Amino acid sequence: MIKNSLASISDVAIYPIISLTIFVSFFVLLGYMVFRADKKYIKHMEEMPLTDEVYQKD
């Protein structure tokens, strides 16, 4: 039933390509953001659960 429904849609082959492009783009962007992140901030967030420091907004 689903196969017949998809077969009736014209140019249905473009949807998997678009989905893959969005998926890959998201993870490439995420990887870029991780490698460009401030190392001090990451270290601070890493150690937060182990300290008694309480975040106070100035």
Protein backbone atom coordinates (compact mmCIF):
# COMPACT_ATOMS: atom_id res chain seq x y z
CA MET A 1 0.00 0.00 0.00
CA ILE A 2 2.71 2.51 0.96
CA LYS A 3 4.82 1.47 -2.03
CA ASN A 4 1.91 2.17 -4.37
CA SER A 5 1.22 5.51 -2.71
CA LEU A 6 4.82 6.65 -3.07
CA ALA A 7 5.00 5.41 -6.65
CA SER A 8 2.11 7.67 -7.60
CA ILE A 9 3.94 10.82 -6.42
CA SER A 10 5.87 12.49 -9.20
CA ASP A 11 9.59 13.09 -8.54
CA VAL A 12 9.48 11.12 -5.27
CA ALA A 13 13.20 10.29 -5.58
CA ILE A 14 14.17 13.83 -4.56
CA TYR A 15 12.88 13.42 -0.97
CA PRO A 16 15.58 10.99 0.23
CA ILE A 17 18.25 13.22 -1.29
CA ILE A 18 16.88 16.29 0.48
CA SER A 19 16.62 14.37 3.77
CA LEU A 20 20.20 13.13 3.52
CA THR A 21 21.45 16.62 2.68
CA ILE A 22 19.70 18.13 5.72
CA PHE A 23 20.97 15.32 7.98
CA VAL A 24 24.59 15.63 6.84
CA SER A 25 24.49 19.45 6.94
CA PHE A 26 23.21 19.41 10.52
CA PHE A 27 26.01 17.16 11.76
CA VAL A 28 28.72 19.02 9.83
CA LEU A 29 27.49 22.29 11.37
CA LEU A 30 27.33 20.69 14.82
CA GLY A 31 30.89 19.37 14.45
CA TYR A 32 32.09 22.81 13.34
CA MET A 33 30.45 24.44 16.37
CA VAL A 34 32.00 21.92 18.75
CA PHE A 35 35.52 22.43 17.42
CA ARG A 36 35.14 26.22 17.43
CA ALA A 37 33.73 26.40 20.97
CA ASP A 38 35.63 28.28 23.66
CA LYS A 39 37.82 25.77 25.49
CA LYS A 40 37.62 27.66 28.81
CA TYR A 41 33.81 27.53 28.73
CA ILE A 42 33.83 23.79 27.97
CA LYS A 43 36.30 23.15 30.81
CA HIS A 44 34.17 25.22 33.20
CA MET A 45 31.00 23.31 32.27
CA GLU A 46 32.89 20.03 32.58
CA GLU A 47 33.91 20.74 36.15
CA MET A 48 30.63 22.26 37.33
CA PRO A 49 29.04 19.06 38.71
CA LEU A 50 32.16 18.38 40.78
CA THR A 51 32.30 21.77 42.51
CA ASP A 52 30.02 23.57 44.96
CA GLU A 53 30.03 26.66 42.78
CA VAL A 54 26.57 28.12 42.26
CA TYR A 55 25.86 30.15 39.16
CA GLN A 56 24.73 33.64 40.04
CA LYS A 57 23.54 36.07 37.45
CA ASP A 58 25.21 39.47 37.84
